[in-house]
Every structure is written in C-alpha cells, then in structure tokens.
Amino acid sequence: MRMLGTRCSLSVFRWDLLYLLARLLADKRPEVKALAGNVQAHLDALRVRRETHEGAEDAVVIAGALLNKEDKERDKVLLEMGGVARVRDKDTYKALFATYSPSKTARLPIQEESAEVRRILGEFASLPVDHPLRVTYEKPLAMSEELVVAASKQSDEAATQLALQRAQTERFKLSVDKGRLSVHGSLVVLTKDKDEAESFFRPTATAPGDTGDERDTPAVVPAVPAAAAQTQPKAAAGS
C-alpha cells in the first residue's frame, strides 16, 4: 500500500477509506470484516475534520469580503473629502494630505492607510470645531476607520484559526495513514498473503471516474511493509 501523506487532499483520504471499508465489509471472513470498525471511525472523523477545516476557510473568505467592503467605504470618504478640500480650502488640504494625495492614500495597504487616516483625524482635531471640512467629514472618516479596524481584526483572527486548522488537518492525515498501515499489517497477518492485503487498498489516487476503472494502477505505487510504520514517502497528489 502507498502512504498518502500530508500533501494528499482529504478527498483522496476519503476515497481510500471508502474503498478499504467496502473491501473489508465484502469479505466473508469475520476476522477480516472486523477490521472495518476502525476504518469507519476514521471515515467519520474525516468528515468532521473536513467540515471544520472548510468552516475556517469560509470564515477567512467572509472576513476578507467584509474588510474589502469597509476599506472601499473609507476610500470613498477620503476621496470625496480630498476633492472638496482641494477646491475650497487649499491650506487645509495641504495639512490633511501632507504626505500622499487622496488617491494615493486610498491605494495604500490597509494598515498603512489606517496610519494615515489617524494622522488626518489628528489634523481635524486641531481645526476649529465649526470648520466646514471638520463638521462634514471628521465623524464619517472616524466611523469608517473604526469599521476597518474591526474588520481587520476579524480577518486576522480568521486567518489565525485557519492556520490552526491546517496544522490539525496535517496531524489528522498522519493519524489516518498510521491507521491504514495498521490495517494493512493486520491483513498481512490474517491472510498470510501480502498481495492479497494490498488488494484491499484503492490502487489509485485519481478522482473517481477520471480513469473509469477503480482497478487502474498508477505507474508507481510503492509497497510499504508493516515494519515501515515510521516511513512516510511524499504523495503525488496535491493538498
């Protein structure tokens, strides 16, 4: 049997476990059929792991969409404010946009733009409370910045959770490979035939239907004896 390894997707692990489970349950020998319980447990755990991992991926996508939306809203305030200030109060415009023009400010990376917005808000605080630009734009800009900061925090937290889930998924894959190897060893002992033990495992890592025949075997399928439990070659499939 081949070790799948952490580079294989959870789908490949699922296909392999389903194939192994079907072969074990179809066997007429009770001692062989009894091995199916552990395989079913791995399959159940895989579905939970996949759902949890995909949930973390979903959270990153959603957080990214919200952050992008809030960033665009902040850009609108900056650009409108810059256009008005340029026409109505050139001195204040130069103070508000001393480093970058409004359009360049809006194109800055999110954190750098936040730093510039905080500086602009500081400039607003030095203006008279009834200054037209301050009255019109200080509050909208401050509110948009707060929303960006909140969305950025949510995005960072989602990214951290996804990194944790990726690490857990890698450990899970290693545990499944260890379980598959254990079943292989048990089959060698029970059948006293290494080739028969090999036949219980799916001979290909390709997606179902891609070859049209589950009996097709890839060009290289390294045999892994039971004694090689600690050896884990790289898998050919992607993560």
C-alpha atoms as a PDB file:
ATOM      1  CA  MET A   1       0.000   0.000   0.000  1.00  0.00           C
ATOM      2  CA  ARG A   2       1.069   3.579  -0.556  1.00  0.00           C
ATOM      3  CA  MET A   3       1.279   6.133   2.223  1.00  0.00           C
ATOM      4  CA  LEU A   4      -0.872   9.102   1.254  1.00  0.00           C
ATOM      5  CA  GLY A   5       0.961  11.752   3.288  1.00  0.00           C
ATOM      6  CA  THR A   6       0.031  15.314   4.232  1.00  0.00           C
ATOM      7  CA  ARG A   7       0.220  16.575   0.651  1.00  0.00           C
ATOM      8  CA  CYS A   8      -2.791  14.496  -0.348  1.00  0.00           C
ATOM      9  CA  SER A   9      -6.168  16.176  -0.053  1.00  0.00           C
ATOM     10  CA  LEU A  10      -8.792  14.969   2.390  1.00  0.00           C
ATOM     11  CA  SER A  11     -10.775  13.821  -0.643  1.00  0.00           C
ATOM     12  CA  VAL A  12      -8.040  11.326  -1.525  1.00  0.00           C
ATOM     13  CA  PHE A  13      -8.065  10.029   2.050  1.00  0.00           C
ATOM     14  CA  ARG A  14     -11.862   9.721   1.882  1.00  0.00           C
ATOM     15  CA  TRP A  15     -11.800   7.759  -1.360  1.00  0.00           C
ATOM     16  CA  ASP A  16      -9.122   5.450   0.001  1.00  0.00           C
ATOM     17  CA  LEU A  17     -11.002   4.819   3.248  1.00  0.00           C
ATOM     18  CA  LEU A  18     -14.277   4.176   1.428  1.00  0.00           C
ATOM     19  CA  TYR A  19     -12.573   1.673  -0.874  1.00  0.00           C
ATOM     20  CA  LEU A  20     -10.917  -0.068   2.063  1.00  0.00           C
ATOM     21  CA  LEU A  21     -14.161  -0.129   4.045  1.00  0.00           C
ATOM     22  CA  ALA A  22     -16.092  -1.637   1.137  1.00  0.00           C
ATOM     23  CA  ARG A  23     -13.476  -4.363   0.620  1.00  0.00           C
ATOM     24  CA  LEU A  24     -13.398  -5.253   4.305  1.00  0.00           C
ATOM     25  CA  LEU A  25     -17.189  -5.409   4.647  1.00  0.00           C
ATOM     26  CA  ALA A  26     -17.455  -7.530   1.483  1.00  0.00           C
ATOM     27  CA  ASP A  27     -15.032 -10.127   2.835  1.00  0.00           C
ATOM     28  CA  LYS A  28     -16.609 -13.332   4.144  1.00  0.00           C
ATOM     29  CA  ARG A  29     -14.038 -13.884   6.890  1.00  0.00           C
ATOM     30  CA  PRO A  30     -15.300 -12.470  10.212  1.00  0.00           C
ATOM     31  CA  GLU A  31     -11.813 -11.602  11.422  1.00  0.00           C
ATOM     32  CA  VAL A  32     -11.210  -9.539   8.276  1.00  0.00           C
ATOM     33  CA  LYS A  33     -14.642  -7.924   8.360  1.00  0.00           C
ATOM     34  CA  ALA A  34     -13.990  -6.930  11.990  1.00  0.00           C
ATOM     35  CA  LEU A  35     -11.276  -4.526  10.816  1.00  0.00           C
ATOM     36  CA  ALA A  36     -13.960  -2.350   9.216  1.00  0.00           C
ATOM     37  CA  GLY A  37     -14.884  -0.696  12.527  1.00  0.00           C
ATOM     38  CA  ASN A  38     -11.658   1.271  12.807  1.00  0.00           C
ATOM     39  CA  VAL A  39     -11.848   2.308   9.164  1.00  0.00           C
ATOM     40  CA  GLN A  40     -15.417   3.548   9.633  1.00  0.00           C
ATOM     41  CA  ALA A  41     -14.275   5.539  12.673  1.00  0.00           C
ATOM     42  CA  HIS A  42     -11.547   7.216  10.597  1.00  0.00           C
ATOM     43  CA  LEU A  43     -14.080   7.979   7.867  1.00  0.00           C
ATOM     44  CA  ASP A  44     -16.493   9.563  10.347  1.00  0.00           C
ATOM     45  CA  ALA A  45     -13.688  11.628  11.877  1.00  0.00           C
ATOM     46  CA  LEU A  46     -12.562  12.708   8.407  1.00  0.00           C
ATOM     47  CA  ARG A  47     -15.977  14.148   7.611  1.00  0.00           C
ATOM     48  CA  VAL A  48     -15.933  16.149  10.851  1.00  0.00           C
ATOM     49  CA  ARG A  49     -12.368  17.339  10.189  1.00  0.00           C
ATOM     50  CA  ARG A  50     -13.229  18.369   6.648  1.00  0.00           C
ATOM     51  CA  GLU A  51     -16.300  20.329   7.776  1.00  0.00           C
ATOM     52  CA  THR A  52     -14.303  22.086  10.497  1.00  0.00           C
ATOM     53  CA  HIS A  53     -11.459  22.924   8.128  1.00  0.00           C
ATOM     54  CA  GLU A  54     -13.799  24.236   5.447  1.00  0.00           C
ATOM     55  CA  GLY A  55     -15.614  26.287   8.083  1.00  0.00           C
ATOM     56  CA  ALA A  56     -12.326  28.020   8.890  1.00  0.00           C
ATOM     57  CA  GLU A  57     -11.719  28.629   5.182  1.00  0.00           C
ATOM     58  CA  ASP A  58     -15.224  30.098   4.862  1.00  0.00           C
ATOM     59  CA  ALA A  59     -14.536  32.460   7.752  1.00  0.00           C
ATOM     60  CA  VAL A  60     -11.396  33.788   6.031  1.00  0.00           C
ATOM     61  CA  VAL A  61     -13.266  34.415   2.770  1.00  0.00           C
ATOM     62  CA  ILE A  62     -16.149  36.153   4.548  1.00  0.00           C
ATOM     63  CA  ALA A  63     -13.840  38.280   6.696  1.00  0.00           C
ATOM     64  CA  GLY A  64     -11.850  39.266   3.619  1.00  0.00           C
ATOM     65  CA  ALA A  65     -15.018  40.336   1.803  1.00  0.00           C
ATOM     66  CA  LEU A  66     -16.124  42.468   4.761  1.00  0.00           C
ATOM     67  CA  LEU A  67     -12.691  44.052   5.139  1.00  0.00           C
ATOM     68  CA  ASN A  68     -12.570  44.901   1.447  1.00  0.00           C
ATOM     69  CA  LYS A  69     -16.045  46.470   1.673  1.00  0.00           C
ATOM     70  CA  GLU A  70     -15.162  48.639   4.675  1.00  0.00           C
ATOM     71  CA  ASP A  71     -11.864  49.666   3.077  1.00  0.00           C
ATOM     72  CA  LYS A  72     -13.687  50.785  -0.084  1.00  0.00           C
ATOM     73  CA  GLU A  73     -16.176  52.783   2.005  1.00  0.00           C
ATOM     74  CA  ARG A  74     -13.294  54.508   3.787  1.00  0.00           C
ATOM     75  CA  ASP A  75     -11.695  55.302   0.420  1.00  0.00           C
ATOM     76  CA  LYS A  76     -14.909  56.976  -0.736  1.00  0.00           C
ATOM     77  CA  VAL A  77     -14.857  59.308   2.274  1.00  0.00           C
ATOM     78  CA  LEU A  78     -11.187  60.160   1.727  1.00  0.00           C
ATOM     79  CA  LEU A  79     -11.590  60.841  -1.982  1.00  0.00           C
ATOM     80  CA  GLU A  80     -14.672  62.982  -1.554  1.00  0.00           C
ATOM     81  CA  MET A  81     -13.093  64.897   1.317  1.00  0.00           C
ATOM     82  CA  GLY A  82      -9.908  65.440  -0.681  1.00  0.00           C
ATOM     83  CA  GLY A  83     -11.789  66.753  -3.692  1.00  0.00           C
ATOM     84  CA  VAL A  84     -13.792  69.220  -1.611  1.00  0.00           C
ATOM     85  CA  ALA A  85     -10.757  70.390   0.403  1.00  0.00           C
ATOM     86  CA  ARG A  86      -8.663  70.919  -2.742  1.00  0.00           C
ATOM     87  CA  VAL A  87     -11.276  73.291  -4.152  1.00  0.00           C
ATOM     88  CA  ARG A  88     -12.473  75.080  -1.012  1.00  0.00           C
ATOM     89  CA  ASP A  89      -9.502  75.239   1.382  1.00  0.00           C
ATOM     90  CA  LYS A  90      -6.085  74.639  -0.140  1.00  0.00           C
ATOM     91  CA  ASP A  91      -4.219  75.258   3.126  1.00  0.00           C
ATOM     92  CA  THR A  92      -6.277  72.661   4.992  1.00  0.00           C
ATOM     93  CA  TYR A  93      -5.916  70.298   2.034  1.00  0.00           C
ATOM     94  CA  LYS A  94      -2.123  70.554   2.291  1.00  0.00           C
ATOM     95  CA  ALA A  95      -2.307  69.765   6.029  1.00  0.00           C
ATOM     96  CA  LEU A  96      -4.679  66.834   5.615  1.00  0.00           C
ATOM     97  CA  PHE A  97      -2.785  65.323   2.690  1.00  0.00           C
ATOM     98  CA  ALA A  98       0.741  66.395   3.515  1.00  0.00           C
ATOM     99  CA  THR A  99       2.310  63.054   2.578  1.00  0.00           C
ATOM    100  CA  TYR A 100       0.042  61.488  -0.037  1.00  0.00           C
ATOM    101  CA  SER A 101      -2.684  62.755  -2.336  1.00  0.00           C
ATOM    102  CA  PRO A 102      -6.215  61.445  -1.634  1.00  0.00           C
ATOM    103  CA  SER A 103      -5.974  58.899  -4.461  1.00  0.00           C
ATOM    104  CA  LYS A 104      -2.554  57.655  -3.300  1.00  0.00           C
ATOM    105  CA  THR A 105      -3.818  57.443   0.286  1.00  0.00           C
ATOM    106  CA  ALA A 106      -6.736  55.312  -0.884  1.00  0.00           C
ATOM    107  CA  ARG A 107      -4.329  52.949  -2.670  1.00  0.00           C
ATOM    108  CA  LEU A 108      -2.136  52.332   0.378  1.00  0.00           C
ATOM    109  CA  PRO A 109      -2.159  48.892   2.041  1.00  0.00           C
ATOM    110  CA  ILE A 110      -4.893  48.724   4.660  1.00  0.00           C
ATOM    111  CA  GLN A 111      -2.675  49.163   7.724  1.00  0.00           C
ATOM    112  CA  GLU A 112      -0.653  51.975   6.158  1.00  0.00           C
ATOM    113  CA  GLU A 113      -3.848  53.720   5.136  1.00  0.00           C
ATOM    114  CA  SER A 114      -5.128  53.393   8.695  1.00  0.00           C
ATOM    115  CA  ALA A 115      -1.993  55.132   9.969  1.00  0.00           C
ATOM    116  CA  GLU A 116      -2.535  57.962   7.504  1.00  0.00           C
ATOM    117  CA  VAL A 117      -6.211  58.242   8.426  1.00  0.00           C
ATOM    118  CA  ARG A 118      -5.318  58.529  12.102  1.00  0.00           C
ATOM    119  CA  ARG A 119      -2.939  61.356  11.219  1.00  0.00           C
ATOM    120  CA  ILE A 120      -5.684  63.101   9.219  1.00  0.00           C
ATOM    121  CA  LEU A 121      -8.069  62.767  12.154  1.00  0.00           C
ATOM    122  CA  GLY A 122      -5.394  64.363  14.306  1.00  0.00           C
ATOM    123  CA  GLU A 123      -5.282  67.276  11.856  1.00  0.00           C
ATOM    124  CA  PHE A 124      -9.050  67.591  12.108  1.00  0.00           C
ATOM    125  CA  ALA A 125      -8.772  67.822  15.890  1.00  0.00           C
ATOM    126  CA  SER A 126      -6.577  70.917  15.503  1.00  0.00           C
ATOM    127  CA  LEU A 127      -9.181  72.724  13.398  1.00  0.00           C
ATOM    128  CA  PRO A 128     -11.985  74.835  14.872  1.00  0.00           C
ATOM    129  CA  VAL A 129     -14.988  72.686  15.802  1.00  0.00           C
ATOM    130  CA  ASP A 130     -17.141  74.594  13.304  1.00  0.00           C
ATOM    131  CA  HIS A 131     -14.700  74.268  10.403  1.00  0.00           C
ATOM    132  CA  PRO A 132     -16.800  73.106   7.406  1.00  0.00           C
ATOM    133  CA  LEU A 133     -14.489  70.226   6.491  1.00  0.00           C
ATOM    134  CA  ARG A 134     -14.303  69.033  10.067  1.00  0.00           C
ATOM    135  CA  VAL A 135     -18.079  69.267  10.537  1.00  0.00           C
ATOM    136  CA  THR A 136     -18.741  67.332   7.323  1.00  0.00           C
ATOM    137  CA  TYR A 137     -16.020  64.679   7.289  1.00  0.00           C
ATOM    138  CA  GLU A 138     -14.490  64.095  10.717  1.00  0.00           C
ATOM    139  CA  LYS A 139     -17.235  61.821  12.021  1.00  0.00           C
ATOM    140  CA  PRO A 140     -17.744  59.798   8.796  1.00  0.00           C
ATOM    141  CA  LEU A 141     -13.984  59.270   8.473  1.00  0.00           C
ATOM    142  CA  ALA A 142     -13.631  58.236  12.127  1.00  0.00           C
ATOM    143  CA  MET A 143     -16.566  55.827  11.831  1.00  0.00           C
ATOM    144  CA  SER A 144     -15.241  54.290   8.622  1.00  0.00           C
ATOM    145  CA  GLU A 145     -11.839  53.829  10.245  1.00  0.00           C
ATOM    146  CA  GLU A 146     -13.422  52.072  13.237  1.00  0.00           C
ATOM    147  CA  LEU A 147     -15.220  49.689  10.886  1.00  0.00           C
ATOM    148  CA  VAL A 148     -11.990  48.955   9.007  1.00  0.00           C
ATOM    149  CA  VAL A 149     -10.147  48.256  12.258  1.00  0.00           C
ATOM    150  CA  ALA A 150     -12.907  45.888  13.411  1.00  0.00           C
ATOM    151  CA  ALA A 151     -12.996  44.099  10.048  1.00  0.00           C
ATOM    152  CA  SER A 152      -9.200  43.852  10.003  1.00  0.00           C
ATOM    153  CA  LYS A 153      -9.219  42.269  13.463  1.00  0.00           C
ATOM    154  CA  GLN A 154     -11.850  39.766  12.341  1.00  0.00           C
ATOM    155  CA  SER A 155      -9.773  38.946   9.260  1.00  0.00           C
ATOM    156  CA  ASP A 156      -6.619  38.408  11.332  1.00  0.00           C
ATOM    157  CA  GLU A 157      -8.464  36.152  13.775  1.00  0.00           C
ATOM    158  CA  ALA A 158      -9.944  34.124  10.924  1.00  0.00           C
ATOM    159  CA  ALA A 159      -6.506  33.706   9.342  1.00  0.00           C
ATOM    160  CA  THR A 160      -5.072  32.515  12.671  1.00  0.00           C
ATOM    161  CA  GLN A 161      -7.867  29.977  13.091  1.00  0.00           C
ATOM    162  CA  LEU A 162      -7.324  28.680   9.562  1.00  0.00           C
ATOM    163  CA  ALA A 163      -3.609  28.226  10.252  1.00  0.00           C
ATOM    164  CA  LEU A 164      -4.504  26.184  13.336  1.00  0.00           C
ATOM    165  CA  GLN A 165      -6.978  24.092  11.356  1.00  0.00           C
ATOM    166  CA  ARG A 166      -4.379  23.415   8.685  1.00  0.00           C
ATOM    167  CA  ALA A 167      -1.979  22.135  11.324  1.00  0.00           C
ATOM    168  CA  GLN A 168      -4.699  19.937  12.842  1.00  0.00           C
ATOM    169  CA  THR A 169      -5.618  18.605   9.409  1.00  0.00           C
ATOM    170  CA  GLU A 170      -1.999  17.640   8.751  1.00  0.00           C
ATOM    171  CA  ARG A 171      -1.843  15.785  12.070  1.00  0.00           C
ATOM    172  CA  PHE A 172      -5.137  14.096  11.252  1.00  0.00           C
ATOM    173  CA  LYS A 173      -3.793  12.894   7.892  1.00  0.00           C
ATOM    174  CA  LEU A 174      -0.778  11.379   9.619  1.00  0.00           C
ATOM    175  CA  SER A 175      -3.052   9.593  12.089  1.00  0.00           C
ATOM    176  CA  VAL A 176      -5.179   8.188   9.261  1.00  0.00           C
ATOM    177  CA  ASP A 177      -2.080   6.959   7.431  1.00  0.00           C
ATOM    178  CA  LYS A 178      -0.974   5.285  10.647  1.00  0.00           C
ATOM    179  CA  GLY A 179      -4.391   3.625  10.944  1.00  0.00           C
ATOM    180  CA  ARG A 180      -4.289   2.448   7.323  1.00  0.00           C
ATOM    181  CA  LEU A 181      -0.847   0.983   7.885  1.00  0.00           C
ATOM    182  CA  SER A 182      -2.139  -0.829  10.965  1.00  0.00           C
ATOM    183  CA  VAL A 183      -4.981  -2.356   8.955  1.00  0.00           C
ATOM    184  CA  HIS A 184      -2.515  -3.377   6.264  1.00  0.00           C
ATOM    185  CA  GLY A 185      -0.358  -5.119   8.865  1.00  0.00           C
ATOM    186  CA  SER A 186      -3.373  -6.928  10.318  1.00  0.00           C
ATOM    187  CA  LEU A 187      -4.419  -8.068   6.853  1.00  0.00           C
ATOM    188  CA  VAL A 188      -0.939  -9.439   6.148  1.00  0.00           C
ATOM    189  CA  VAL A 189      -1.139 -11.418   9.400  1.00  0.00           C
ATOM    190  CA  LEU A 190      -4.702 -12.662   8.794  1.00  0.00           C
ATOM    191  CA  THR A 191      -4.370 -13.513   5.104  1.00  0.00           C
ATOM    192  CA  LYS A 192      -0.695 -14.541   5.209  1.00  0.00           C
ATOM    193  CA  ASP A 193      -0.531 -13.044   1.727  1.00  0.00           C
ATOM    194  CA  LYS A 194       0.962  -9.607   1.143  1.00  0.00           C
ATOM    195  CA  ASP A 195      -0.519  -9.292  -2.341  1.00  0.00           C
ATOM    196  CA  GLU A 196      -3.990 -10.041  -1.017  1.00  0.00           C
ATOM    197  CA  ALA A 197      -3.522  -7.488   1.748  1.00  0.00           C
ATOM    198  CA  GLU A 198      -2.522  -4.920  -0.898  1.00  0.00           C
ATOM    199  CA  SER A 199      -5.701  -5.616  -2.844  1.00  0.00           C
ATOM    200  CA  PHE A 200      -7.851  -4.148  -0.067  1.00  0.00           C
ATOM    201  CA  PHE A 201      -6.468  -0.650  -0.723  1.00  0.00           C
ATOM    202  CA  ARG A 202      -7.509   1.664  -3.527  1.00  0.00           C
ATOM    203  CA  PRO A 203      -4.798   1.391  -6.196  1.00  0.00           C
ATOM    204  CA  THR A 204      -5.069   4.970  -7.488  1.00  0.00           C
ATOM    205  CA  ALA A 205      -5.171   8.496  -6.069  1.00  0.00           C
ATOM    206  CA  THR A 206      -7.084   9.940  -9.031  1.00  0.00           C
ATOM    207  CA  ALA A 207     -10.612  11.276  -8.617  1.00  0.00           C
ATOM    208  CA  PRO A 208     -13.456   8.755  -9.013  1.00  0.00           C
ATOM    209  CA  GLY A 209     -14.433   8.484 -12.658  1.00  0.00           C
ATOM    210  CA  ASP A 210     -11.233  10.033 -14.005  1.00  0.00           C
ATOM    211  CA  THR A 211      -9.829   6.672 -15.060  1.00  0.00           C
ATOM    212  CA  GLY A 212     -13.146   4.923 -15.488  1.00  0.00           C
ATOM    213  CA  ASP A 213     -11.804   1.898 -13.644  1.00  0.00           C
ATOM    214  CA  GLU A 214     -11.003   1.566  -9.942  1.00  0.00           C
ATOM    215  CA  ARG A 215      -8.669  -1.298 -10.853  1.00  0.00           C
ATOM    216  CA  ASP A 216      -6.301   1.027 -12.714  1.00  0.00           C
ATOM    217  CA  THR A 217      -2.942   1.315 -11.013  1.00  0.00           C
ATOM    218  CA  PRO A 218      -0.660   4.374 -11.244  1.00  0.00           C
ATOM    219  CA  ALA A 219       2.810   3.971 -12.714  1.00  0.00           C
ATOM    220  CA  VAL A 220       4.477   3.984  -9.288  1.00  0.00           C
ATOM    221  CA  VAL A 221       2.747   2.551  -6.233  1.00  0.00           C
ATOM    222  CA  PRO A 222       5.463   1.781  -3.660  1.00  0.00           C
ATOM    223  CA  ALA A 223       4.780  -1.141  -1.379  1.00  0.00           C
ATOM    224  CA  VAL A 224       5.055  -0.360   2.312  1.00  0.00           C
ATOM    225  CA  PRO A 225       5.614  -3.360   4.581  1.00  0.00           C
ATOM    226  CA  ALA A 226       4.148  -3.371   8.078  1.00  0.00           C
ATOM    227  CA  ALA A 227       7.608  -2.840   9.536  1.00  0.00           C
ATOM    228  CA  ALA A 228       7.848   0.538   7.814  1.00  0.00           C
ATOM    229  CA  ALA A 229       5.285   2.242  10.027  1.00  0.00           C
ATOM    230  CA  GLN A 230       7.577   5.218  10.607  1.00  0.00           C
ATOM    231  CA  THR A 231       8.327   5.790   6.891  1.00  0.00           C
ATOM    232  CA  GLN A 232       6.182   8.296   5.034  1.00  0.00           C
ATOM    233  CA  PRO A 233       7.108   8.976   1.367  1.00  0.00           C
ATOM    234  CA  LYS A 234       5.749  12.124  -0.276  1.00  0.00           C
ATOM    235  CA  ALA A 235       2.457  11.629  -2.051  1.00  0.00           C
ATOM    236  CA  ALA A 236       1.943  12.603  -5.644  1.00  0.00           C
ATOM    237  CA  ALA A 237      -1.436  14.289  -5.198  1.00  0.00           C
ATOM    238  CA  GLY A 238      -1.847  17.898  -4.195  1.00  0.00           C
ATOM    239  CA  SER A 239      -3.068  19.092  -0.772  1.00  0.00           C
END
